[in-house]
PDB file of N, CA and C in Angstrom:
ATOM      1  N   UNK A   1     -13.598   1.031  -0.161  1.00  0.00           N
ATOM      2  CA  UNK A   1     -12.434   1.295   0.625  1.00  0.00           C
ATOM      3  C   UNK A   1     -12.837   1.593   2.074  1.00  0.00           C
ATOM      4  N   UNK A   2     -11.950   1.328   2.974  1.00  0.00           N
ATOM      5  CA  UNK A   2     -12.340   1.459   4.375  1.00  0.00           C
ATOM      6  C   UNK A   2     -12.239   2.913   4.871  1.00  0.00           C
ATOM      7  N   UNK A   3     -11.391   3.729   4.260  1.00  0.00           N
ATOM      8  CA  UNK A   3     -11.206   5.062   4.787  1.00  0.00           C
ATOM      9  C   UNK A   3     -11.219   6.084   3.682  1.00  0.00           C
ATOM     10  N   UNK A   4     -11.823   7.188   3.876  1.00  0.00           N
ATOM     11  CA  UNK A   4     -11.835   8.269   2.931  1.00  0.00           C
ATOM     12  C   UNK A   4     -10.803   9.307   3.291  1.00  0.00           C
ATOM     13  N   UNK A   5     -10.068   9.129   4.360  1.00  0.00           N
ATOM     14  CA  UNK A   5      -9.085  10.107   4.801  1.00  0.00           C
ATOM     15  C   UNK A   5      -7.883  10.032   3.862  1.00  0.00           C
ATOM     16  N   UNK A   6      -7.396  11.191   3.496  1.00  0.00           N
ATOM     17  CA  UNK A   6      -6.233  11.293   2.578  1.00  0.00           C
ATOM     18  C   UNK A   6      -5.040  11.788   3.384  1.00  0.00           C
ATOM     19  N   UNK A   7      -3.934  11.089   3.245  1.00  0.00           N
ATOM     20  CA  UNK A   7      -2.676  11.470   3.936  1.00  0.00           C
ATOM     21  C   UNK A   7      -1.697  11.912   2.859  1.00  0.00           C
ATOM     22  N   UNK A   8      -0.968  13.031   3.135  1.00  0.00           N
ATOM     23  CA  UNK A   8       0.001  13.532   2.200  1.00  0.00           C
ATOM     24  C   UNK A   8       1.393  13.279   2.684  1.00  0.00           C
ATOM     25  N   UNK A   9       2.192  12.568   1.871  1.00  0.00           N
ATOM     26  CA  UNK A   9       3.582  12.310   2.155  1.00  0.00           C
ATOM     27  C   UNK A   9       4.350  12.886   0.959  1.00  0.00           C
ATOM     28  N   UNK A  10       5.180  13.881   1.214  1.00  0.00           N
ATOM     29  CA  UNK A  10       5.789  14.664   0.123  1.00  0.00           C
ATOM     30  C   UNK A  10       4.645  15.213  -0.715  1.00  0.00           C
ATOM     31  N   UNK A  11       4.601  14.880  -2.023  1.00  0.00           N
ATOM     32  CA  UNK A  11       3.461  15.348  -2.866  1.00  0.00           C
ATOM     33  C   UNK A  11       2.488  14.268  -3.148  1.00  0.00           C
ATOM     34  N   UNK A  12       2.665  13.084  -2.576  1.00  0.00           N
ATOM     35  CA  UNK A  12       1.789  11.961  -2.821  1.00  0.00           C
ATOM     36  C   UNK A  12       0.591  12.026  -1.850  1.00  0.00           C
ATOM     37  N   UNK A  13      -0.601  11.995  -2.352  1.00  0.00           N
ATOM     38  CA  UNK A  13      -1.799  11.973  -1.544  1.00  0.00           C
ATOM     39  C   UNK A  13      -2.348  10.521  -1.563  1.00  0.00           C
ATOM     40  N   UNK A  14      -2.241   9.905  -0.366  1.00  0.00           N
ATOM     41  CA  UNK A  14      -2.573   8.478  -0.273  1.00  0.00           C
ATOM     42  C   UNK A  14      -3.673   8.184   0.712  1.00  0.00           C
ATOM     43  N   UNK A  15      -4.512   7.186   0.446  1.00  0.00           N
ATOM     44  CA  UNK A  15      -5.495   6.808   1.391  1.00  0.00           C
ATOM     45  C   UNK A  15      -5.031   5.552   2.178  1.00  0.00           C
ATOM     46  N   UNK A  16      -5.827   5.067   3.063  1.00  0.00           N
ATOM     47  CA  UNK A  16      -5.450   3.977   3.964  1.00  0.00           C
ATOM     48  C   UNK A  16      -5.077   2.703   3.165  1.00  0.00           C
ATOM     49  N   UNK A  17      -5.834   2.410   2.148  1.00  0.00           N
ATOM     50  CA  UNK A  17      -5.586   1.191   1.344  1.00  0.00           C
ATOM     51  C   UNK A  17      -4.226   1.284   0.647  1.00  0.00           C
ATOM     52  N   UNK A  18      -3.954   2.436   0.111  1.00  0.00           N
ATOM     53  CA  UNK A  18      -2.628   2.623  -0.586  1.00  0.00           C
ATOM     54  C   UNK A  18      -1.495   2.513   0.427  1.00  0.00           C
ATOM     55  N   UNK A  19      -1.678   3.114   1.580  1.00  0.00           N
ATOM     56  CA  UNK A  19      -0.672   3.066   2.672  1.00  0.00           C
ATOM     57  C   UNK A  19      -0.477   1.576   3.103  1.00  0.00           C
ATOM     58  N   UNK A  20      -1.550   0.834   3.210  1.00  0.00           N
ATOM     59  CA  UNK A  20      -1.410  -0.615   3.601  1.00  0.00           C
ATOM     60  C   UNK A  20      -0.546  -1.366   2.587  1.00  0.00           C
ATOM     61  N   UNK A  21      -0.785  -1.088   1.324  1.00  0.00           N
ATOM     62  CA  UNK A  21       0.021  -1.775   0.294  1.00  0.00           C
ATOM     63  C   UNK A  21       1.461  -1.339   0.329  1.00  0.00           C
ATOM     64  N   UNK A  22       1.697  -0.026   0.490  1.00  0.00           N
ATOM     65  CA  UNK A  22       3.094   0.444   0.601  1.00  0.00           C
ATOM     66  C   UNK A  22       3.779  -0.112   1.842  1.00  0.00           C
ATOM     67  N   UNK A  23       3.075  -0.262   2.928  1.00  0.00           N
ATOM     68  CA  UNK A  23       3.609  -0.829   4.166  1.00  0.00           C
ATOM     69  C   UNK A  23       4.073  -2.255   3.936  1.00  0.00           C
ATOM     70  N   UNK A  24       3.172  -3.028   3.241  1.00  0.00           N
ATOM     71  CA  UNK A  24       3.522  -4.431   2.933  1.00  0.00           C
ATOM     72  C   UNK A  24       4.754  -4.469   1.991  1.00  0.00           C
ATOM     73  N   UNK A  25       4.731  -3.671   0.959  1.00  0.00           N
ATOM     74  CA  UNK A  25       5.837  -3.651  -0.023  1.00  0.00           C
ATOM     75  C   UNK A  25       7.145  -3.311   0.671  1.00  0.00           C
ATOM     76  N   UNK A  26       7.128  -2.293   1.573  1.00  0.00           N
ATOM     77  CA  UNK A  26       8.316  -1.868   2.259  1.00  0.00           C
ATOM     78  C   UNK A  26       8.992  -3.016   3.023  1.00  0.00           C
ATOM     79  N   UNK A  27       8.123  -3.883   3.571  1.00  0.00           N
ATOM     80  CA  UNK A  27       8.699  -5.008   4.353  1.00  0.00           C
ATOM     81  C   UNK A  27       9.443  -6.030   3.500  1.00  0.00           C
ATOM     82  N   UNK A  28       9.252  -5.957   2.184  1.00  0.00           N
ATOM     83  CA  UNK A  28       9.915  -6.968   1.304  1.00  0.00           C
ATOM     84  C   UNK A  28      10.967  -6.363   0.412  1.00  0.00           C
ATOM     85  N   UNK A  29      11.082  -5.028   0.366  1.00  0.00           N
ATOM     86  CA  UNK A  29      12.142  -4.411  -0.489  1.00  0.00           C
ATOM     87  C   UNK A  29      13.481  -4.614   0.149  1.00  0.00           C
ATOM     88  N   UNK A  30      14.533  -4.754  -0.564  1.00  0.00           N
ATOM     89  CA  UNK A  30      14.639  -4.863  -2.023  1.00  0.00           C
ATOM     90  C   UNK A  30      14.548  -6.329  -2.507  1.00  0.00           C
ATOM     91  N   UNK A  31      14.274  -7.268  -1.631  1.00  0.00           N
ATOM     92  CA  UNK A  31      14.226  -8.675  -2.039  1.00  0.00           C
ATOM     93  C   UNK A  31      13.222  -8.941  -3.130  1.00  0.00           C
ATOM     94  N   UNK A  32      11.968  -8.420  -2.952  1.00  0.00           N
ATOM     95  CA  UNK A  32      10.941  -8.562  -3.955  1.00  0.00           C
ATOM     96  C   UNK A  32      10.474  -7.173  -4.384  1.00  0.00           C
ATOM     97  N   UNK A  33      10.335  -6.983  -5.664  1.00  0.00           N
ATOM     98  CA  UNK A  33       9.801  -5.692  -6.141  1.00  0.00           C
ATOM     99  C   UNK A  33       8.719  -5.876  -7.220  1.00  0.00           C
ATOM    100  N   UNK A  34       8.330  -7.140  -7.426  1.00  0.00           N
ATOM    101  CA  UNK A  34       7.285  -7.416  -8.429  1.00  0.00           C
ATOM    102  C   UNK A  34       6.208  -8.292  -7.807  1.00  0.00           C
ATOM    103  N   UNK A  35       4.931  -7.897  -7.943  1.00  0.00           N
ATOM    104  CA  UNK A  35       3.856  -8.668  -7.371  1.00  0.00           C
ATOM    105  C   UNK A  35       2.650  -8.704  -8.318  1.00  0.00           C
ATOM    106  N   UNK A  36       1.758  -9.629  -8.131  1.00  0.00           N
ATOM    107  CA  UNK A  36       0.463  -9.575  -8.827  1.00  0.00           C
ATOM    108  C   UNK A  36      -0.462  -8.702  -7.978  1.00  0.00           C
ATOM    109  N   UNK A  37      -1.346  -8.081  -8.665  1.00  0.00           N
ATOM    110  CA  UNK A  37      -2.351  -7.221  -7.981  1.00  0.00           C
ATOM    111  C   UNK A  37      -3.211  -8.102  -7.066  1.00  0.00           C
ATOM    112  N   UNK A  38      -3.555  -9.295  -7.510  1.00  0.00           N
ATOM    113  CA  UNK A  38      -4.340 -10.203  -6.703  1.00  0.00           C
ATOM    114  C   UNK A  38      -3.587 -10.599  -5.418  1.00  0.00           C
ATOM    115  N   UNK A  39      -2.309 -10.855  -5.523  1.00  0.00           N
ATOM    116  CA  UNK A  39      -1.512 -11.243  -4.352  1.00  0.00           C
ATOM    117  C   UNK A  39      -1.431 -10.100  -3.358  1.00  0.00           C
ATOM    118  N   UNK A  40      -1.176  -8.861  -3.822  1.00  0.00           N
ATOM    119  CA  UNK A  40      -1.163  -7.711  -2.927  1.00  0.00           C
ATOM    120  C   UNK A  40      -2.484  -7.529  -2.203  1.00  0.00           C
ATOM    121  N   UNK A  41      -3.577  -7.706  -2.924  1.00  0.00           N
ATOM    122  CA  UNK A  41      -4.863  -7.610  -2.300  1.00  0.00           C
ATOM    123  C   UNK A  41      -5.069  -8.654  -1.194  1.00  0.00           C
ATOM    124  N   UNK A  42      -4.682  -9.873  -1.487  1.00  0.00           N
ATOM    125  CA  UNK A  42      -4.810 -10.951  -0.517  1.00  0.00           C
ATOM    126  C   UNK A  42      -3.913 -10.681   0.711  1.00  0.00           C
ATOM    127  N   UNK A  43      -2.657 -10.306   0.452  1.00  0.00           N
ATOM    128  CA  UNK A  43      -1.706 -10.060   1.600  1.00  0.00           C
ATOM    129  C   UNK A  43      -2.127  -8.924   2.474  1.00  0.00           C
ATOM    130  N   UNK A  44      -2.847  -7.932   1.919  1.00  0.00           N
ATOM    131  CA  UNK A  44      -3.258  -6.762   2.640  1.00  0.00           C
ATOM    132  C   UNK A  44      -4.735  -6.856   3.111  1.00  0.00           C
ATOM    133  N   UNK A  45      -5.353  -8.041   2.933  1.00  0.00           N
ATOM    134  CA  UNK A  45      -6.765  -8.252   3.339  1.00  0.00           C
ATOM    135  C   UNK A  45      -7.719  -7.250   2.655  1.00  0.00           C
ATOM    136  N   UNK A  46      -7.557  -7.136   1.359  1.00  0.00           N
ATOM    137  CA  UNK A  46      -8.418  -6.181   0.594  1.00  0.00           C
ATOM    138  C   UNK A  46      -9.290  -6.941  -0.405  1.00  0.00           C
ATOM    139  N   UNK A  47     -10.456  -6.335  -0.680  1.00  0.00           N
ATOM    140  CA  UNK A  47     -11.262  -6.860  -1.752  1.00  0.00           C
ATOM    141  C   UNK A  47     -10.506  -6.575  -3.053  1.00  0.00           C
ATOM    142  N   UNK A  48     -10.750  -7.435  -4.057  1.00  0.00           N
ATOM    143  CA  UNK A  48     -10.059  -7.298  -5.341  1.00  0.00           C
ATOM    144  C   UNK A  48     -10.267  -5.894  -5.969  1.00  0.00           C
ATOM    145  N   UNK A  49     -11.462  -5.362  -5.927  1.00  0.00           N
ATOM    146  CA  UNK A  49     -11.676  -4.044  -6.510  1.00  0.00           C
ATOM    147  C   UNK A  49     -10.965  -2.948  -5.773  1.00  0.00           C
ATOM    148  N   UNK A  50     -10.894  -3.051  -4.422  1.00  0.00           N
ATOM    149  CA  UNK A  50     -10.144  -2.064  -3.654  1.00  0.00           C
ATOM    150  C   UNK A  50      -8.683  -2.121  -3.938  1.00  0.00           C
ATOM    151  N   UNK A  51      -8.144  -3.346  -4.061  1.00  0.00           N
ATOM    152  CA  UNK A  51      -6.723  -3.490  -4.369  1.00  0.00           C
ATOM    153  C   UNK A  51      -6.414  -2.927  -5.783  1.00  0.00           C
ATOM    154  N   UNK A  52      -7.290  -3.216  -6.727  1.00  0.00           N
ATOM    155  CA  UNK A  52      -7.069  -2.736  -8.077  1.00  0.00           C
ATOM    156  C   UNK A  52      -7.120  -1.206  -8.086  1.00  0.00           C
ATOM    157  N   UNK A  53      -8.088  -0.603  -7.418  1.00  0.00           N
ATOM    158  CA  UNK A  53      -8.203   0.883  -7.394  1.00  0.00           C
ATOM    159  C   UNK A  53      -6.954   1.480  -6.731  1.00  0.00           C
ATOM    160  N   UNK A  54      -6.490   0.899  -5.658  1.00  0.00           N
ATOM    161  CA  UNK A  54      -5.326   1.419  -4.905  1.00  0.00           C
ATOM    162  C   UNK A  54      -4.064   1.274  -5.779  1.00  0.00           C
ATOM    163  N   UNK A  55      -3.911   0.170  -6.432  1.00  0.00           N
ATOM    164  CA  UNK A  55      -2.722  -0.025  -7.302  1.00  0.00           C
ATOM    165  C   UNK A  55      -2.764   0.965  -8.447  1.00  0.00           C
ATOM    166  N   UNK A  56      -3.952   1.181  -8.996  1.00  0.00           N
ATOM    167  CA  UNK A  56      -4.047   2.176 -10.095  1.00  0.00           C
ATOM    168  C   UNK A  56      -3.612   3.550  -9.640  1.00  0.00           C
ATOM    169  N   UNK A  57      -3.996   3.918  -8.405  1.00  0.00           N
ATOM    170  CA  UNK A  57      -3.586   5.218  -7.863  1.00  0.00           C
ATOM    171  C   UNK A  57      -2.049   5.264  -7.595  1.00  0.00           C
ATOM    172  N   UNK A  58      -1.504   4.175  -7.122  1.00  0.00           N
ATOM    173  CA  UNK A  58      -0.052   4.108  -6.900  1.00  0.00           C
ATOM    174  C   UNK A  58       0.692   4.183  -8.242  1.00  0.00           C
ATOM    175  N   UNK A  59       0.136   3.634  -9.285  1.00  0.00           N
ATOM    176  CA  UNK A  59       0.751   3.769 -10.607  1.00  0.00           C
ATOM    177  C   UNK A  59       0.710   5.221 -11.018  1.00  0.00           C
ATOM    178  N   UNK A  60      -0.424   5.906 -10.816  1.00  0.00           N
ATOM    179  CA  UNK A  60      -0.504   7.323 -11.214  1.00  0.00           C
ATOM    180  C   UNK A  60       0.467   8.173 -10.412  1.00  0.00           C
ATOM    181  N   UNK A  61       0.746   7.815  -9.177  1.00  0.00           N
ATOM    182  CA  UNK A  61       1.746   8.532  -8.387  1.00  0.00           C
ATOM    183  C   UNK A  61       3.179   8.164  -8.757  1.00  0.00           C
ATOM    184  N   UNK A  62       3.365   7.203  -9.634  1.00  0.00           N
ATOM    185  CA  UNK A  62       4.660   6.775 -10.030  1.00  0.00           C
ATOM    186  C   UNK A  62       5.355   5.867  -9.048  1.00  0.00           C
ATOM    187  N   UNK A  63       4.595   5.341  -8.069  1.00  0.00           N
ATOM    188  CA  UNK A  63       5.149   4.423  -7.046  1.00  0.00           C
ATOM    189  C   UNK A  63       5.150   2.965  -7.459  1.00  0.00           C
ATOM    190  N   UNK A  64       4.387   2.688  -8.569  1.00  0.00           N
ATOM    191  CA  UNK A  64       4.363   1.360  -9.134  1.00  0.00           C
ATOM    192  C   UNK A  64       4.264   1.482 -10.617  1.00  0.00           C
ATOM    193  N   UNK A  65       4.608   0.429 -11.356  1.00  0.00           N
ATOM    194  CA  UNK A  65       4.490   0.420 -12.806  1.00  0.00           C
ATOM    195  C   UNK A  65       3.817  -0.893 -13.215  1.00  0.00           C
ATOM    196  N   UNK A  66       3.028  -0.831 -14.268  1.00  0.00           N
ATOM    197  CA  UNK A  66       2.419  -1.986 -14.833  1.00  0.00           C
ATOM    198  C   UNK A  66       3.517  -2.903 -15.395  1.00  0.00           C
ATOM    199  N   UNK A  67       3.497  -4.214 -15.120  1.00  0.00           N
ATOM    200  CA  UNK A  67       4.549  -5.122 -15.551  1.00  0.00           C
ATOM    201  C   UNK A  67       3.980  -6.299 -16.321  1.00  0.00           C
ATOM    202  N   UNK A  68       2.964  -6.054 -17.098  1.00  0.00           N
ATOM    203  CA  UNK A  68       2.414  -7.112 -17.905  1.00  0.00           C
ATOM    204  C   UNK A  68       1.404  -7.962 -17.152  1.00  0.00           C
ATOM    205  N   UNK A  69       1.058  -9.046 -17.777  1.00  0.00           N
ATOM    206  CA  UNK A  69       0.065  -9.972 -17.195  1.00  0.00           C
ATOM    207  C   UNK A  69       0.630 -11.391 -17.200  1.00  0.00           C
ATOM    208  N   UNK A  70       0.310 -12.109 -16.161  1.00  0.00           N
ATOM    209  CA  UNK A  70       0.741 -13.498 -16.013  1.00  0.00           C
ATOM    210  C   UNK A  70      -0.471 -14.408 -16.205  1.00  0.00           C
ATOM    211  N   UNK A  71      -0.314 -15.490 -16.924  1.00  0.00           N
ATOM    212  CA  UNK A  71      -1.437 -16.414 -17.158  1.00  0.00           C
ATOM    213  C   UNK A  71      -1.973 -16.993 -15.890  1.00  0.00           C
ATOM    214  N   UNK A  72      -1.127 -17.195 -14.889  1.00  0.00           N
ATOM    215  CA  UNK A  72      -1.534 -17.850 -13.675  1.00  0.00           C
ATOM    216  C   UNK A  72      -2.087 -16.858 -12.616  1.00  0.00           C
ATOM    217  N   UNK A  73      -1.401 -15.723 -12.451  1.00  0.00           N
ATOM    218  CA  UNK A  73      -1.786 -14.815 -11.333  1.00  0.00           C
ATOM    219  C   UNK A  73      -2.390 -13.480 -11.824  1.00  0.00           C
ATOM    220  N   UNK A  74      -2.473 -13.258 -13.110  1.00  0.00           N
ATOM    221  CA  UNK A  74      -3.116 -12.034 -13.620  1.00  0.00           C
ATOM    222  C   UNK A  74      -2.143 -10.850 -13.739  1.00  0.00           C
ATOM    223  N   UNK A  75      -2.730  -9.712 -13.545  1.00  0.00           N
ATOM    224  CA  UNK A  75      -2.032  -8.424 -13.697  1.00  0.00           C
ATOM    225  C   UNK A  75      -0.851  -8.290 -12.738  1.00  0.00           C
ATOM    226  N   UNK A  76       0.294  -7.907 -13.259  1.00  0.00           N
ATOM    227  CA  UNK A  76       1.546  -7.759 -12.466  1.00  0.00           C
ATOM    228  C   UNK A  76       1.952  -6.304 -12.355  1.00  0.00           C
ATOM    229  N   UNK A  77       2.531  -5.930 -11.254  1.00  0.00           N
ATOM    230  CA  UNK A  77       3.066  -4.567 -11.056  1.00  0.00           C
ATOM    231  C   UNK A  77       4.475  -4.703 -10.454  1.00  0.00           C
ATOM    232  N   UNK A  78       5.287  -3.709 -10.719  1.00  0.00           N
ATOM    233  CA  UNK A  78       6.630  -3.643 -10.183  1.00  0.00           C
ATOM    234  C   UNK A  78       6.867  -2.266  -9.511  1.00  0.00           C
ATOM    235  N   UNK A  79       7.805  -2.236  -8.608  1.00  0.00           N
ATOM    236  CA  UNK A  79       8.138  -1.000  -7.923  1.00  0.00           C
ATOM    237  C   UNK A  79       9.434  -0.490  -8.548  1.00  0.00           C
ATOM    238  N   UNK A  80       9.459   0.651  -9.305  1.00  0.00           N
ATOM    239  CA  UNK A  80      10.680   1.116  -9.930  1.00  0.00           C
ATOM    240  C   UNK A  80      11.705   1.589  -8.880  1.00  0.00           C
ATOM    241  N   UNK A  81      12.916   1.664  -9.263  1.00  0.00           N
ATOM    242  CA  UNK A  81      14.070   2.004  -8.365  1.00  0.00           C
ATOM    243  C   UNK A  81      13.768   3.314  -7.696  1.00  0.00           C
ATOM    244  N   UNK A  82      13.323   4.368  -8.358  1.00  0.00           N
ATOM    245  CA  UNK A  82      13.057   5.665  -7.735  1.00  0.00           C
ATOM    246  C   UNK A  82      11.959   5.546  -6.645  1.00  0.00           C
ATOM    247  N   UNK A  83      10.938   4.736  -6.934  1.00  0.00           N
ATOM    248  CA  UNK A  83       9.863   4.539  -5.959  1.00  0.00           C
ATOM    249  C   UNK A  83      10.342   3.751  -4.765  1.00  0.00           C
ATOM    250  N   UNK A  84      11.224   2.782  -4.983  1.00  0.00           N
ATOM    251  CA  UNK A  84      11.802   2.033  -3.903  1.00  0.00           C
ATOM    252  C   UNK A  84      12.536   2.978  -2.933  1.00  0.00           C
ATOM    253  N   UNK A  85      13.281   3.891  -3.502  1.00  0.00           N
ATOM    254  CA  UNK A  85      14.057   4.867  -2.711  1.00  0.00           C
ATOM    255  C   UNK A  85      13.104   5.777  -1.944  1.00  0.00           C
ATOM    256  N   UNK A  86      11.991   6.197  -2.595  1.00  0.00           N
ATOM    257  CA  UNK A  86      10.980   7.036  -1.941  1.00  0.00           C
ATOM    258  C   UNK A  86      10.342   6.300  -0.771  1.00  0.00           C
ATOM    259  N   UNK A  87       9.980   5.033  -0.974  1.00  0.00           N
ATOM    260  CA  UNK A  87       9.355   4.238   0.056  1.00  0.00           C
ATOM    261  C   UNK A  87      10.318   4.086   1.248  1.00  0.00           C
ATOM    262  N   UNK A  88      11.589   3.821   0.989  1.00  0.00           N
ATOM    263  CA  UNK A  88      12.570   3.659   2.079  1.00  0.00           C
ATOM    264  C   UNK A  88      12.717   4.989   2.850  1.00  0.00           C
ATOM    265  N   UNK A  89      12.830   6.117   2.113  1.00  0.00           N
ATOM    266  CA  UNK A  89      12.984   7.435   2.731  1.00  0.00           C
ATOM    267  C   UNK A  89      11.801   7.797   3.606  1.00  0.00           C
ATOM    268  N   UNK A  90      10.596   7.379   3.207  1.00  0.00           N
ATOM    269  CA  UNK A  90       9.374   7.680   3.935  1.00  0.00           C
ATOM    270  C   UNK A  90       8.861   6.492   4.742  1.00  0.00           C
ATOM    271  N   UNK A  91       9.663   5.551   4.971  1.00  0.00           N
ATOM    272  CA  UNK A  91       9.257   4.317   5.705  1.00  0.00           C
ATOM    273  C   UNK A  91       8.725   4.631   7.080  1.00  0.00           C
ATOM    274  N   UNK A  92       9.338   5.480   7.817  1.00  0.00           N
ATOM    275  CA  UNK A  92       8.889   5.815   9.185  1.00  0.00           C
ATOM    276  C   UNK A  92       7.505   6.438   9.158  1.00  0.00           C
ATOM    277  N   UNK A  93       7.256   7.324   8.222  1.00  0.00           N
ATOM    278  CA  UNK A  93       5.945   7.960   8.133  1.00  0.00           C
ATOM    279  C   UNK A  93       4.892   6.943   7.720  1.00  0.00           C
ATOM    280  N   UNK A  94       5.226   6.114   6.772  1.00  0.00           N
ATOM    281  CA  UNK A  94       4.252   5.050   6.309  1.00  0.00           C
ATOM    282  C   UNK A  94       3.915   4.113   7.491  1.00  0.00           C
ATOM    283  N   UNK A  95       4.969   3.685   8.211  1.00  0.00           N
ATOM    284  CA  UNK A  95       4.739   2.798   9.341  1.00  0.00           C
ATOM    285  C   UNK A  95       3.895   3.408  10.422  1.00  0.00           C
ATOM    286  N   UNK A  96       4.159   4.715  10.733  1.00  0.00           N
ATOM    287  CA  UNK A  96       3.397   5.401  11.742  1.00  0.00           C
ATOM    288  C   UNK A  96       1.954   5.551  11.365  1.00  0.00           C
ATOM    289  N   UNK A  97       1.693   5.939  10.102  1.00  0.00           N
ATOM    290  CA  UNK A  97       0.317   6.126   9.646  1.00  0.00           C
ATOM    291  C   UNK A  97      -0.424   4.772   9.615  1.00  0.00           C
ATOM    292  N   UNK A  98       0.214   3.697   9.265  1.00  0.00           N
ATOM    293  CA  UNK A  98      -0.426   2.409   9.276  1.00  0.00           C
ATOM    294  C   UNK A  98      -0.750   2.002  10.695  1.00  0.00           C
ATOM    295  N   UNK A  99       0.148   2.173  11.610  1.00  0.00           N
ATOM    296  CA  UNK A  99      -0.116   1.840  13.024  1.00  0.00           C
ATOM    297  C   UNK A  99      -1.235   2.672  13.561  1.00  0.00           C
ATOM    298  N   UNK A 100      -1.297   3.949  13.229  1.00  0.00           N
ATOM    299  CA  UNK A 100      -2.358   4.848  13.714  1.00  0.00           C
ATOM    300  C   UNK A 100      -3.751   4.441  13.157  1.00  0.00           C
ATOM    301  N   UNK A 101      -3.777   3.943  11.933  1.00  0.00           N
ATOM    302  CA  UNK A 101      -5.047   3.650  11.348  1.00  0.00           C
ATOM    303  C   UNK A 101      -5.466   2.189  11.455  1.00  0.00           C
ATOM    304  N   UNK A 102      -4.638   1.335  12.037  1.00  0.00           N
ATOM    305  CA  UNK A 102      -4.985  -0.062  12.193  1.00  0.00           C
ATOM    306  C   UNK A 102      -5.616  -0.287  13.572  1.00  0.00           C
ATOM    307  N   UNK A 103      -6.923  -0.184  13.625  1.00  0.00           N
ATOM    308  CA  UNK A 103      -7.649  -0.297  14.880  1.00  0.00           C
ATOM    309  C   UNK A 103      -7.554  -1.696  15.515  1.00  0.00           C
ATOM    310  N   UNK A 104      -7.160  -2.691  14.695  1.00  0.00           N
ATOM    311  CA  UNK A 104      -7.011  -4.040  15.230  1.00  0.00           C
ATOM    312  C   UNK A 104      -5.823  -4.147  16.216  1.00  0.00           C
ATOM    313  N   UNK A 105      -4.945  -3.187  16.200  1.00  0.00           N
ATOM    314  CA  UNK A 105      -3.821  -3.166  17.077  1.00  0.00           C
ATOM    315  C   UNK A 105      -4.173  -2.739  18.519  1.00  0.00           C
ATOM    316  N   UNK A 106      -5.400  -2.193  18.652  1.00  0.00           N
ATOM    317  CA  UNK A 106      -5.793  -1.622  19.975  1.00  0.00           C
ATOM    318  C   UNK A 106      -6.968  -2.379  20.477  1.00  0.00           C
ATOM    319  N   UNK A 107      -7.095  -2.453  21.849  1.00  0.00           N
ATOM    320  CA  UNK A 107      -8.286  -3.017  22.413  1.00  0.00           C
ATOM    321  C   UNK A 107      -9.203  -1.856  22.899  1.00  0.00           C
ATOM    322  N   UNK A 108     -10.382  -2.232  23.387  1.00  0.00           N
ATOM    323  CA  UNK A 108     -11.403  -1.173  23.749  1.00  0.00           C
ATOM    324  C   UNK A 108     -10.924  -0.202  24.828  1.00  0.00           C
ATOM    325  N   UNK A 109     -10.007  -0.650  25.672  1.00  0.00           N
ATOM    326  CA  UNK A 109      -9.555   0.258  26.742  1.00  0.00           C
ATOM    327  C   UNK A 109      -8.565   1.336  26.228  1.00  0.00           C
ATOM    328  N   UNK A 110      -8.039   1.087  25.032  1.00  0.00           N
ATOM    329  CA  UNK A 110      -7.052   2.015  24.481  1.00  0.00           C
ATOM    330  C   UNK A 110      -7.661   2.948  23.446  1.00  0.00           C
ATOM    331  N   UNK A 111      -8.944   2.837  23.159  1.00  0.00           N
ATOM    332  CA  UNK A 111      -9.602   3.653  22.136  1.00  0.00           C
ATOM    333  C   UNK A 111     -10.431   4.706  22.837  1.00  0.00           C
ATOM    334  N   UNK A 112     -10.227   5.928  22.442  1.00  0.00           N
ATOM    335  CA  UNK A 112     -10.969   7.076  22.998  1.00  0.00           C
ATOM    336  C   UNK A 112     -12.416   7.044  22.483  1.00  0.00           C
ATOM    337  N   UNK A 113     -13.348   7.349  23.336  1.00  0.00           N
ATOM    338  CA  UNK A 113     -14.760   7.455  22.949  1.00  0.00           C
ATOM    339  C   UNK A 113     -15.216   8.880  23.028  1.00  0.00           C
ATOM    340  N   UNK A 114     -16.044   9.239  22.107  1.00  0.00           N
ATOM    341  CA  UNK A 114     -16.585  10.617  22.086  1.00  0.00           C
ATOM    342  C   UNK A 114     -17.802  10.744  23.026  1.00  0.00           C
TER     343      UNK A 114
END
């Protein structure tokens, strides 16, 4: 994983990878609420193991649920209705944390040096 920093939103303790996945999911709710773990990893530019670990943590937080396995795309997950509501309620915080942690959004003149 890229970051060991933990961010707390309500009672959920999330790292950067989990936030990236929630940020992506938020942009598609409520149109899509079911994805393959592989697809989420690809869409968020993650290694497969990092995506799997992050999805497992999101499942433990109750923000995703296992939705079986597909022969073509593998392990599937879905975002339950309560989690969708939580993501929408915390959308501004998720977006702000993603922007703050995405160093690709900034050039060298905008980054503070120690």
